[in-house]
Structure formats: structure tokens, C-alpha cells
Amino acid sequence: MPRYKLTVEYDGRPFCGWQRQANGPSVQAVIERAIKAFTGEDVTIGGAGRTDTGVHATGQVAHADLSKDWPERTVLGALNHHSLPDPVSILAVEKMHEGFDARFSAIRRSYRYRIHNRLAPLTHDLGLAWHVKTELDAETMHEAAQEFVGHHDFTTFRHTRCQAKSPEKTLETFSVRRDGEFLIAECASRSFLHNQVRSMVGSLRLVGEGKWRVGDITKALAARDRKACGPVAPADGLYLTKVDYRSIEADLEEQRLWAHKRAATQPE
């Protein structure tokens, strides 16, 4: 049964998030509906990241198992056709080895947050960026963002209903730069906690406005208390931009080791 890797772009505004839910439309459901219309199969796809309500993607990744060995170009065209009129686009389709998993084979996820920093109301970027009227100091925000880089307990910067087993994560990079009227915040990590990026950006806004100093980010991180977090940034400006993966050889070796470890822990 061929396994396909799908690179997906979507506008998150109409959706309750990536994951299929009973309370509203989801990106996962749109793609699964497209697969059903194309192949007649009921297929459950796996995604690299469960983006929340209103969060966008330019580089989400999913995997799907189809019973027939379809050409990649055929799958690409069919899924895009049957995804209409929803704002979901399959950018690329690639056949993968059987053990590839969009979530568990990933080694890095990258997010971008867009702030439209101007006094006038938004038109074209409404729902696609966070509108902040107060002028922000991007350089100081970038300096403060470096306090998040490294291995930390991010309890302060995760949702109270986050289901991760541990609040500890290793943030590889975090940058903030100005591009005209926009501030672009970008960060990368193997994985993120629920609302972590939006929580960090919301606190960095306070730094950019001069309400917090760089040291206040350090104190909030050390507090390990959700109450120490600044206001959480809205979903509008957040984009999952890229997911990086191990090589095929490294992925297969990782799966072999995991299967061996699992077998060793099973009762005889």
C-alpha cells in the first residue's frame, strides 16, 4: 500500500483547526473528503502539526496510504480539484517509504508570526496578520526573543489545557525583524507546546511597546506560572511554514530501534 507525503497550504480562517472535529470544519476533513471523492476510499491521514482554530499553514505535511499506486502528479491534481472550494491547496505529493510518518518522522517544525504594525485598519491582511497600532521596537523584541532559545521549562508559555507530558522544550532559533509595516517573528523547534508560539509573541509585544524589559521575559520564563505570561497573540498571524525530516536511512533505523525497544518491554 503506497504511502504519500502531502505538503499542504491553507487559510485557517474557516476551520476549527487541522484535526478533524465534530464541532466544525477542519483541514484534515477537507483532504480526507477529497481522497474519498478521488479513490472511493475512507482514509485517515496523519498530520505533522495540529494547528489551532484560525492558524494558517504554508508548509504543513501529512501522509496518506492509498490502495492503488497512483502517479504523484495524478494525486496532486485530483486532491486539489476535490478540495475546492475550501482554501486548502496540496503543493506537492511524494511517494515515501512505508514507515514514514508526518508527525513522528519530523525533526523540526518552523513557524512564522506576522504583525501588521500600522495605525490604519487592515483590509487585505484582515485575518492574516495581527494588527498592532502601537509602534513596536523590533530590535528589542529580537533581543528578548533570545531568552527563549535553548532548553527551558515553558510552563508560563503553554495553554493550561496543553496535553504534552512535559513542559520542557528546546527552542532552536527565534528571530524578530521589521519588514516595512510588518514585524516577522520566526522560530523553530522539534516540537511546540499548545499555544507556545502565540504566548511568546504576545509577551514580546509588551517588550516592543516598552511595557516590559528584556529581563521581564527572563523572569516570566523562570516563574513557570501561566499567570506570568503576557496576553496571548491571536491566531490570525500564525503560520506553520516548514517541517523537516530525517533521511530515509535514519528514519528506518529509528523505527527499527523503536520496534526493538517495544518488543523488549512486552511480556512473554
C-alpha atoms as a PDB file:
ATOM      1  CA  MET A   1       0.000   0.000   0.000  1.00  0.00           C
ATOM      2  CA  PRO A   2       1.798   3.165  -1.172  1.00  0.00           C
ATOM      3  CA  ARG A   3       2.310   5.953   1.356  1.00  0.00           C
ATOM      4  CA  TYR A   4       2.192   9.518   0.071  1.00  0.00           C
ATOM      5  CA  LYS A   5       3.652  12.624   1.666  1.00  0.00           C
ATOM      6  CA  LEU A   6       1.459  15.681   1.112  1.00  0.00           C
ATOM      7  CA  THR A   7       2.750  19.239   1.538  1.00  0.00           C
ATOM      8  CA  VAL A   8      -0.242  21.433   2.319  1.00  0.00           C
ATOM      9  CA  GLU A   9      -1.050  25.137   2.323  1.00  0.00           C
ATOM     10  CA  TYR A  10      -4.238  26.549   3.845  1.00  0.00           C
ATOM     11  CA  ASP A  11      -6.023  29.629   5.081  1.00  0.00           C
ATOM     12  CA  GLY A  12      -7.029  28.724   8.621  1.00  0.00           C
ATOM     13  CA  ARG A  13      -9.895  31.206   8.978  1.00  0.00           C
ATOM     14  CA  PRO A  14     -12.806  28.871   8.051  1.00  0.00           C
ATOM     15  CA  PHE A  15     -11.511  25.953  10.111  1.00  0.00           C
ATOM     16  CA  CYS A  16     -11.608  24.802  13.722  1.00  0.00           C
ATOM     17  CA  GLY A  17      -8.008  23.679  13.193  1.00  0.00           C
ATOM     18  CA  TRP A  18      -6.127  20.920  11.415  1.00  0.00           C
ATOM     19  CA  GLN A  19      -7.604  17.979  13.290  1.00  0.00           C
ATOM     20  CA  ARG A  20     -10.971  16.515  12.355  1.00  0.00           C
ATOM     21  CA  GLN A  21     -13.576  17.506  14.962  1.00  0.00           C
ATOM     22  CA  ALA A  22     -17.307  17.135  15.500  1.00  0.00           C
ATOM     23  CA  ASN A  23     -17.860  20.813  16.268  1.00  0.00           C
ATOM     24  CA  GLY A  24     -16.793  22.320  12.953  1.00  0.00           C
ATOM     25  CA  PRO A  25     -14.898  22.038   9.651  1.00  0.00           C
ATOM     26  CA  SER A  26     -11.224  21.036   9.689  1.00  0.00           C
ATOM     27  CA  VAL A  27      -8.381  20.890   7.189  1.00  0.00           C
ATOM     28  CA  GLN A  28      -7.929  17.158   7.791  1.00  0.00           C
ATOM     29  CA  ALA A  29     -11.582  16.528   6.935  1.00  0.00           C
ATOM     30  CA  VAL A  30     -11.295  18.505   3.680  1.00  0.00           C
ATOM     31  CA  ILE A  31      -8.360  16.398   2.476  1.00  0.00           C
ATOM     32  CA  GLU A  32      -9.952  13.132   3.577  1.00  0.00           C
ATOM     33  CA  ARG A  33     -13.128  14.133   1.723  1.00  0.00           C
ATOM     34  CA  ALA A  34     -11.023  14.837  -1.384  1.00  0.00           C
ATOM     35  CA  ILE A  35      -9.364  11.408  -1.122  1.00  0.00           C
ATOM     36  CA  LYS A  36     -12.775   9.763  -0.809  1.00  0.00           C
ATOM     37  CA  ALA A  37     -14.040  11.583  -3.895  1.00  0.00           C
ATOM     38  CA  PHE A  38     -10.899  10.615  -5.833  1.00  0.00           C
ATOM     39  CA  THR A  39     -10.405   6.987  -4.798  1.00  0.00           C
ATOM     40  CA  GLY A  40     -13.653   5.937  -3.129  1.00  0.00           C
ATOM     41  CA  GLU A  41     -11.634   5.036  -0.035  1.00  0.00           C
ATOM     42  CA  ASP A  42     -12.193   6.132   3.549  1.00  0.00           C
ATOM     43  CA  VAL A  43      -8.676   7.153   4.546  1.00  0.00           C
ATOM     44  CA  THR A  44      -7.453   8.720   7.787  1.00  0.00           C
ATOM     45  CA  ILE A  45      -4.466  10.960   7.173  1.00  0.00           C
ATOM     46  CA  GLY A  46      -1.793  11.921   9.686  1.00  0.00           C
ATOM     47  CA  GLY A  47      -0.516  15.477  10.078  1.00  0.00           C
ATOM     48  CA  ALA A  48       2.787  16.908  11.278  1.00  0.00           C
ATOM     49  CA  GLY A  49       1.172  19.543  13.489  1.00  0.00           C
ATOM     50  CA  ARG A  50      -2.291  20.104  14.937  1.00  0.00           C
ATOM     51  CA  THR A  51      -2.705  23.783  14.182  1.00  0.00           C
ATOM     52  CA  ASP A  52      -5.451  25.525  16.179  1.00  0.00           C
ATOM     53  CA  THR A  53      -8.577  27.354  15.046  1.00  0.00           C
ATOM     54  CA  GLY A  54      -7.676  30.164  12.657  1.00  0.00           C
ATOM     55  CA  VAL A  55      -3.987  29.237  12.332  1.00  0.00           C
ATOM     56  CA  HIS A  56      -2.623  29.090   8.778  1.00  0.00           C
ATOM     57  CA  ALA A  57      -0.016  26.970   7.003  1.00  0.00           C
ATOM     58  CA  THR A  58       2.285  27.350   4.033  1.00  0.00           C
ATOM     59  CA  GLY A  59       4.165  24.108   4.677  1.00  0.00           C
ATOM     60  CA  GLN A  60       2.049  21.662   6.690  1.00  0.00           C
ATOM     61  CA  VAL A  61       2.822  18.000   5.963  1.00  0.00           C
ATOM     62  CA  ALA A  62       0.518  14.975   6.031  1.00  0.00           C
ATOM     63  CA  HIS A  63       0.761  11.339   4.989  1.00  0.00           C
ATOM     64  CA  ALA A  64      -1.881   9.147   3.390  1.00  0.00           C
ATOM     65  CA  ASP A  65      -1.974   5.451   2.474  1.00  0.00           C
ATOM     66  CA  LEU A  66      -3.790   4.637  -0.775  1.00  0.00           C
ATOM     67  CA  SER A  67      -4.574   1.141  -2.012  1.00  0.00           C
ATOM     68  CA  LYS A  68      -3.566   1.900  -5.606  1.00  0.00           C
ATOM     69  CA  ASP A  69      -0.122   3.038  -6.745  1.00  0.00           C
ATOM     70  CA  TRP A  70      -1.184   6.330  -8.320  1.00  0.00           C
ATOM     71  CA  PRO A  71       1.302   8.659 -10.052  1.00  0.00           C
ATOM     72  CA  GLU A  72       2.210  11.575  -7.797  1.00  0.00           C
ATOM     73  CA  ARG A  73       1.012  14.150 -10.338  1.00  0.00           C
ATOM     74  CA  THR A  74      -2.378  12.418 -10.560  1.00  0.00           C
ATOM     75  CA  VAL A  75      -2.825  12.504  -6.785  1.00  0.00           C
ATOM     76  CA  LEU A  76      -1.812  16.174  -6.696  1.00  0.00           C
ATOM     77  CA  GLY A  77      -4.308  17.224  -9.333  1.00  0.00           C
ATOM     78  CA  ALA A  78      -7.160  15.106  -8.005  1.00  0.00           C
ATOM     79  CA  LEU A  79      -6.849  16.256  -4.401  1.00  0.00           C
ATOM     80  CA  ASN A  80      -6.658  19.907  -5.387  1.00  0.00           C
ATOM     81  CA  HIS A  81      -9.726  19.508  -7.608  1.00  0.00           C
ATOM     82  CA  HIS A  82     -11.791  17.793  -4.936  1.00  0.00           C
ATOM     83  CA  SER A  83     -10.669  20.164  -2.152  1.00  0.00           C
ATOM     84  CA  LEU A  84     -12.466  23.053  -3.850  1.00  0.00           C
ATOM     85  CA  PRO A  85     -13.983  25.419  -2.828  1.00  0.00           C
ATOM     86  CA  ASP A  86     -12.220  25.199   0.548  1.00  0.00           C
ATOM     87  CA  PRO A  87      -8.996  27.265   0.887  1.00  0.00           C
ATOM     88  CA  VAL A  88      -6.739  24.205   1.010  1.00  0.00           C
ATOM     89  CA  SER A  89      -4.009  23.558  -1.554  1.00  0.00           C
ATOM     90  CA  ILE A  90      -1.798  20.494  -1.959  1.00  0.00           C
ATOM     91  CA  LEU A  91       1.563  21.955  -3.004  1.00  0.00           C
ATOM     92  CA  ALA A  92       3.453  18.693  -3.522  1.00  0.00           C
ATOM     93  CA  VAL A  93       2.936  14.928  -3.445  1.00  0.00           C
ATOM     94  CA  GLU A  94       5.778  12.463  -2.928  1.00  0.00           C
ATOM     95  CA  LYS A  95       5.806   8.690  -2.534  1.00  0.00           C
ATOM     96  CA  MET A  96       7.565   7.697   0.680  1.00  0.00           C
ATOM     97  CA  HIS A  97       8.841   4.565   2.375  1.00  0.00           C
ATOM     98  CA  GLU A  98       6.241   2.608   4.330  1.00  0.00           C
ATOM     99  CA  GLY A  99       7.439   3.721   7.759  1.00  0.00           C
ATOM    100  CA  PHE A 100       7.353   7.457   7.060  1.00  0.00           C
ATOM    101  CA  ASP A 101       5.102   9.312   9.489  1.00  0.00           C
ATOM    102  CA  ALA A 102       4.314  13.012   9.041  1.00  0.00           C
ATOM    103  CA  ARG A 103       4.357  13.550  12.795  1.00  0.00           C
ATOM    104  CA  PHE A 104       6.848  11.110  14.268  1.00  0.00           C
ATOM    105  CA  SER A 105       9.461  11.240  11.495  1.00  0.00           C
ATOM    106  CA  ALA A 106       9.751  15.022  11.840  1.00  0.00           C
ATOM    107  CA  ILE A 107      12.868  16.537  13.401  1.00  0.00           C
ATOM    108  CA  ARG A 108      11.942  20.224  13.192  1.00  0.00           C
ATOM    109  CA  ARG A 109       8.879  22.440  12.816  1.00  0.00           C
ATOM    110  CA  SER A 110       9.137  26.100  11.817  1.00  0.00           C
ATOM    111  CA  TYR A 111       6.560  28.799  12.488  1.00  0.00           C
ATOM    112  CA  ARG A 112       6.225  32.403  11.344  1.00  0.00           C
ATOM    113  CA  TYR A 113       4.175  35.080  13.050  1.00  0.00           C
ATOM    114  CA  ARG A 114       3.161  38.222  11.093  1.00  0.00           C
ATOM    115  CA  ILE A 115       2.347  41.500  12.841  1.00  0.00           C
ATOM    116  CA  HIS A 116       0.998  44.350  10.710  1.00  0.00           C
ATOM    117  CA  ASN A 117       2.245  47.363  12.655  1.00  0.00           C
ATOM    118  CA  ARG A 118       0.327  50.414  11.476  1.00  0.00           C
ATOM    119  CA  LEU A 119      -2.357  52.791  12.699  1.00  0.00           C
ATOM    120  CA  ALA A 120      -4.810  52.314   9.810  1.00  0.00           C
ATOM    121  CA  PRO A 121      -7.246  49.360   9.880  1.00  0.00           C
ATOM    122  CA  LEU A 122      -6.365  46.243   7.896  1.00  0.00           C
ATOM    123  CA  THR A 123      -8.077  45.333   4.638  1.00  0.00           C
ATOM    124  CA  HIS A 124      -6.119  42.758   2.606  1.00  0.00           C
ATOM    125  CA  ASP A 125      -4.399  41.342   5.700  1.00  0.00           C
ATOM    126  CA  LEU A 126      -7.507  41.169   7.866  1.00  0.00           C
ATOM    127  CA  GLY A 127      -7.452  37.719   9.466  1.00  0.00           C
ATOM    128  CA  LEU A 128      -3.986  37.034   8.037  1.00  0.00           C
ATOM    129  CA  ALA A 129      -1.883  39.142  10.428  1.00  0.00           C
ATOM    130  CA  TRP A 130      -2.119  40.606  13.924  1.00  0.00           C
ATOM    131  CA  HIS A 131      -2.968  44.295  13.712  1.00  0.00           C
ATOM    132  CA  VAL A 132      -0.942  46.233  16.303  1.00  0.00           C
ATOM    133  CA  LYS A 133      -1.336  50.031  16.163  1.00  0.00           C
ATOM    134  CA  THR A 134       1.367  50.997  18.673  1.00  0.00           C
ATOM    135  CA  GLU A 135       4.808  51.293  17.079  1.00  0.00           C
ATOM    136  CA  LEU A 136       6.949  48.304  18.021  1.00  0.00           C
ATOM    137  CA  ASP A 137      10.713  48.128  18.560  1.00  0.00           C
ATOM    138  CA  ALA A 138      11.709  45.073  16.524  1.00  0.00           C
ATOM    139  CA  GLU A 139      15.357  45.118  17.621  1.00  0.00           C
ATOM    140  CA  THR A 140      14.487  44.961  21.318  1.00  0.00           C
ATOM    141  CA  MET A 141      11.905  42.255  20.630  1.00  0.00           C
ATOM    142  CA  HIS A 142      14.593  40.232  18.835  1.00  0.00           C
ATOM    143  CA  GLU A 143      16.942  40.668  21.790  1.00  0.00           C
ATOM    144  CA  ALA A 144      14.221  39.486  24.173  1.00  0.00           C
ATOM    145  CA  ALA A 145      13.358  36.532  21.919  1.00  0.00           C
ATOM    146  CA  GLN A 146      16.850  35.116  22.507  1.00  0.00           C
ATOM    147  CA  GLU A 147      15.827  34.437  26.128  1.00  0.00           C
ATOM    148  CA  PHE A 148      13.553  31.703  24.783  1.00  0.00           C
ATOM    149  CA  VAL A 149      16.280  29.966  22.773  1.00  0.00           C
ATOM    150  CA  GLY A 150      17.632  26.767  24.326  1.00  0.00           C
ATOM    151  CA  HIS A 151      16.171  24.119  26.599  1.00  0.00           C
ATOM    152  CA  HIS A 152      13.637  25.501  29.077  1.00  0.00           C
ATOM    153  CA  ASP A 153      10.547  24.717  31.105  1.00  0.00           C
ATOM    154  CA  PHE A 154       7.894  26.621  29.113  1.00  0.00           C
ATOM    155  CA  THR A 155       5.051  26.229  31.634  1.00  0.00           C
ATOM    156  CA  THR A 156       4.447  30.001  31.557  1.00  0.00           C
ATOM    157  CA  PHE A 157       4.031  29.927  27.797  1.00  0.00           C
ATOM    158  CA  ARG A 158       1.705  26.996  27.255  1.00  0.00           C
ATOM    159  CA  HIS A 159      -2.068  26.639  27.402  1.00  0.00           C
ATOM    160  CA  THR A 160      -3.453  25.396  30.699  1.00  0.00           C
ATOM    161  CA  ARG A 161      -5.125  22.533  28.803  1.00  0.00           C
ATOM    162  CA  CYS A 162      -1.927  21.523  26.985  1.00  0.00           C
ATOM    163  CA  GLN A 163      -1.739  17.726  26.907  1.00  0.00           C
ATOM    164  CA  ALA A 164       2.045  17.411  26.489  1.00  0.00           C
ATOM    165  CA  LYS A 165       3.622  15.134  29.087  1.00  0.00           C
ATOM    166  CA  SER A 166       6.394  17.636  29.836  1.00  0.00           C
ATOM    167  CA  PRO A 167       6.568  21.458  29.640  1.00  0.00           C
ATOM    168  CA  GLU A 168      10.240  21.249  28.650  1.00  0.00           C
ATOM    169  CA  LYS A 169      11.158  22.039  25.058  1.00  0.00           C
ATOM    170  CA  THR A 170      14.293  23.061  23.182  1.00  0.00           C
ATOM    171  CA  LEU A 171      13.813  26.127  21.011  1.00  0.00           C
ATOM    172  CA  GLU A 172      16.469  26.122  18.278  1.00  0.00           C
ATOM    173  CA  THR A 173      16.016  29.629  16.877  1.00  0.00           C
ATOM    174  CA  PHE A 174      13.823  32.697  17.428  1.00  0.00           C
ATOM    175  CA  SER A 175      14.193  35.889  15.405  1.00  0.00           C
ATOM    176  CA  VAL A 176      12.184  39.106  15.079  1.00  0.00           C
ATOM    177  CA  ARG A 177      12.746  41.570  12.239  1.00  0.00           C
ATOM    178  CA  ARG A 178      10.962  44.517  10.676  1.00  0.00           C
ATOM    179  CA  ASP A 179       9.963  44.496   7.003  1.00  0.00           C
ATOM    180  CA  GLY A 180       8.276  47.825   6.283  1.00  0.00           C
ATOM    181  CA  GLU A 181       4.990  47.907   8.180  1.00  0.00           C
ATOM    182  CA  PHE A 182       5.386  44.264   9.162  1.00  0.00           C
ATOM    183  CA  LEU A 183       7.207  42.558  12.015  1.00  0.00           C
ATOM    184  CA  ILE A 184       8.124  38.954  11.230  1.00  0.00           C
ATOM    185  CA  ALA A 185       8.809  36.579  14.114  1.00  0.00           C
ATOM    186  CA  GLU A 186      10.199  33.152  13.194  1.00  0.00           C
ATOM    187  CA  CYS A 187      11.065  30.213  15.422  1.00  0.00           C
ATOM    188  CA  ALA A 188      11.966  26.548  15.074  1.00  0.00           C
ATOM    189  CA  SER A 189      11.931  23.530  17.368  1.00  0.00           C
ATOM    190  CA  ARG A 190      11.433  19.787  17.133  1.00  0.00           C
ATOM    191  CA  SER A 191       8.014  20.319  18.687  1.00  0.00           C
ATOM    192  CA  PHE A 192       5.973  23.005  20.422  1.00  0.00           C
ATOM    193  CA  LEU A 193       3.524  23.129  23.302  1.00  0.00           C
ATOM    194  CA  HIS A 194      -0.109  24.143  22.846  1.00  0.00           C
ATOM    195  CA  ASN A 195      -0.242  27.948  22.290  1.00  0.00           C
ATOM    196  CA  GLN A 196       3.521  28.269  22.912  1.00  0.00           C
ATOM    197  CA  VAL A 197       4.333  30.447  19.885  1.00  0.00           C
ATOM    198  CA  ARG A 198       1.336  32.743  20.352  1.00  0.00           C
ATOM    199  CA  SER A 199       2.111  33.070  24.060  1.00  0.00           C
ATOM    200  CA  MET A 200       5.733  34.010  23.398  1.00  0.00           C
ATOM    201  CA  VAL A 201       4.813  36.523  20.678  1.00  0.00           C
ATOM    202  CA  GLY A 202       2.163  38.111  22.884  1.00  0.00           C
ATOM    203  CA  SER A 203       4.737  38.704  25.609  1.00  0.00           C
ATOM    204  CA  LEU A 204       7.281  40.000  23.096  1.00  0.00           C
ATOM    205  CA  ARG A 205       4.739  42.599  22.009  1.00  0.00           C
ATOM    206  CA  LEU A 206       4.883  44.054  25.537  1.00  0.00           C
ATOM    207  CA  VAL A 207       8.644  44.361  25.117  1.00  0.00           C
ATOM    208  CA  GLY A 208       8.207  46.057  21.740  1.00  0.00           C
ATOM    209  CA  GLU A 209       5.812  48.581  23.261  1.00  0.00           C
ATOM    210  CA  GLY A 210       8.206  49.344  26.120  1.00  0.00           C
ATOM    211  CA  LYS A 211       5.844  47.944  28.766  1.00  0.00           C
ATOM    212  CA  TRP A 212       8.251  45.068  29.534  1.00  0.00           C
ATOM    213  CA  ARG A 213      12.033  44.968  29.540  1.00  0.00           C
ATOM    214  CA  VAL A 214      14.085  42.067  28.222  1.00  0.00           C
ATOM    215  CA  GLY A 215      14.569  40.901  31.795  1.00  0.00           C
ATOM    216  CA  ASP A 216      10.808  40.558  32.243  1.00  0.00           C
ATOM    217  CA  ILE A 217      10.802  37.779  29.631  1.00  0.00           C
ATOM    218  CA  THR A 218      13.530  36.027  31.618  1.00  0.00           C
ATOM    219  CA  LYS A 219      11.521  36.388  34.839  1.00  0.00           C
ATOM    220  CA  ALA A 220       8.313  35.145  33.207  1.00  0.00           C
ATOM    221  CA  LEU A 221      10.098  32.083  31.837  1.00  0.00           C
ATOM    222  CA  ALA A 222      11.657  31.340  35.236  1.00  0.00           C
ATOM    223  CA  ALA A 223       8.301  31.746  37.019  1.00  0.00           C
ATOM    224  CA  ARG A 224       6.899  28.583  35.417  1.00  0.00           C
ATOM    225  CA  ASP A 225       3.462  30.052  36.032  1.00  0.00           C
ATOM    226  CA  ARG A 226       0.858  30.683  33.315  1.00  0.00           C
ATOM    227  CA  LYS A 227      -0.211  33.849  35.146  1.00  0.00           C
ATOM    228  CA  ALA A 228       3.203  35.374  34.368  1.00  0.00           C
ATOM    229  CA  CYS A 229       2.547  35.249  30.603  1.00  0.00           C
ATOM    230  CA  GLY A 230       1.541  38.352  28.693  1.00  0.00           C
ATOM    231  CA  PRO A 231      -1.678  38.466  26.615  1.00  0.00           C
ATOM    232  CA  VAL A 232      -1.680  35.662  24.050  1.00  0.00           C
ATOM    233  CA  ALA A 233      -1.349  36.788  20.420  1.00  0.00           C
ATOM    234  CA  PRO A 234      -4.342  35.943  18.193  1.00  0.00           C
ATOM    235  CA  ALA A 235      -4.325  33.057  15.724  1.00  0.00           C
ATOM    236  CA  ASP A 236      -4.550  35.454  12.742  1.00  0.00           C
ATOM    237  CA  GLY A 237      -0.811  35.958  12.304  1.00  0.00           C
ATOM    238  CA  LEU A 238       0.487  32.418  12.898  1.00  0.00           C
ATOM    239  CA  TYR A 239       1.705  30.162  10.065  1.00  0.00           C
ATOM    240  CA  LEU A 240       3.239  26.671  10.086  1.00  0.00           C
ATOM    241  CA  THR A 241       5.830  27.240   7.363  1.00  0.00           C
ATOM    242  CA  LYS A 242       8.019  24.140   7.194  1.00  0.00           C
ATOM    243  CA  VAL A 243       8.549  20.644   8.581  1.00  0.00           C
ATOM    244  CA  ASP A 244      11.976  18.994   8.309  1.00  0.00           C
ATOM    245  CA  TYR A 245      12.541  15.239   8.325  1.00  0.00           C
ATOM    246  CA  ARG A 246      15.263  12.656   8.911  1.00  0.00           C
ATOM    247  CA  SER A 247      16.835  10.962   5.934  1.00  0.00           C
ATOM    248  CA  ILE A 248      15.196   7.725   4.808  1.00  0.00           C
ATOM    249  CA  GLU A 249      18.093   5.714   6.235  1.00  0.00           C
ATOM    250  CA  ALA A 250      17.954   7.484   9.608  1.00  0.00           C
ATOM    251  CA  ASP A 251      14.167   7.167   9.725  1.00  0.00           C
ATOM    252  CA  LEU A 252      14.237   3.419   9.065  1.00  0.00           C
ATOM    253  CA  GLU A 253      16.957   2.949  11.699  1.00  0.00           C
ATOM    254  CA  GLU A 254      14.958   4.940  14.244  1.00  0.00           C
ATOM    255  CA  GLN A 255      11.909   2.774  13.583  1.00  0.00           C
ATOM    256  CA  ARG A 256      13.994  -0.407  13.903  1.00  0.00           C
ATOM    257  CA  LEU A 257      15.322   0.724  17.282  1.00  0.00           C
ATOM    258  CA  TRP A 258      11.852   1.724  18.456  1.00  0.00           C
ATOM    259  CA  ALA A 259      10.373  -1.644  17.417  1.00  0.00           C
ATOM    260  CA  HIS A 260      13.224  -3.465  19.202  1.00  0.00           C
ATOM    261  CA  LYS A 261      12.694  -1.430  22.363  1.00  0.00           C
ATOM    262  CA  ARG A 262       8.953  -2.036  22.265  1.00  0.00           C
ATOM    263  CA  ALA A 263       9.413  -5.783  21.783  1.00  0.00           C
ATOM    264  CA  ALA A 264      11.795  -5.897  24.743  1.00  0.00           C
ATOM    265  CA  THR A 265       9.185  -4.379  27.042  1.00  0.00           C
ATOM    266  CA  GLN A 266       6.357  -6.729  26.025  1.00  0.00           C
ATOM    267  CA  PRO A 267       5.545  -9.518  28.497  1.00  0.00           C
ATOM    268  CA  GLU A 268       6.350 -13.023  27.289  1.00  0.00           C
END
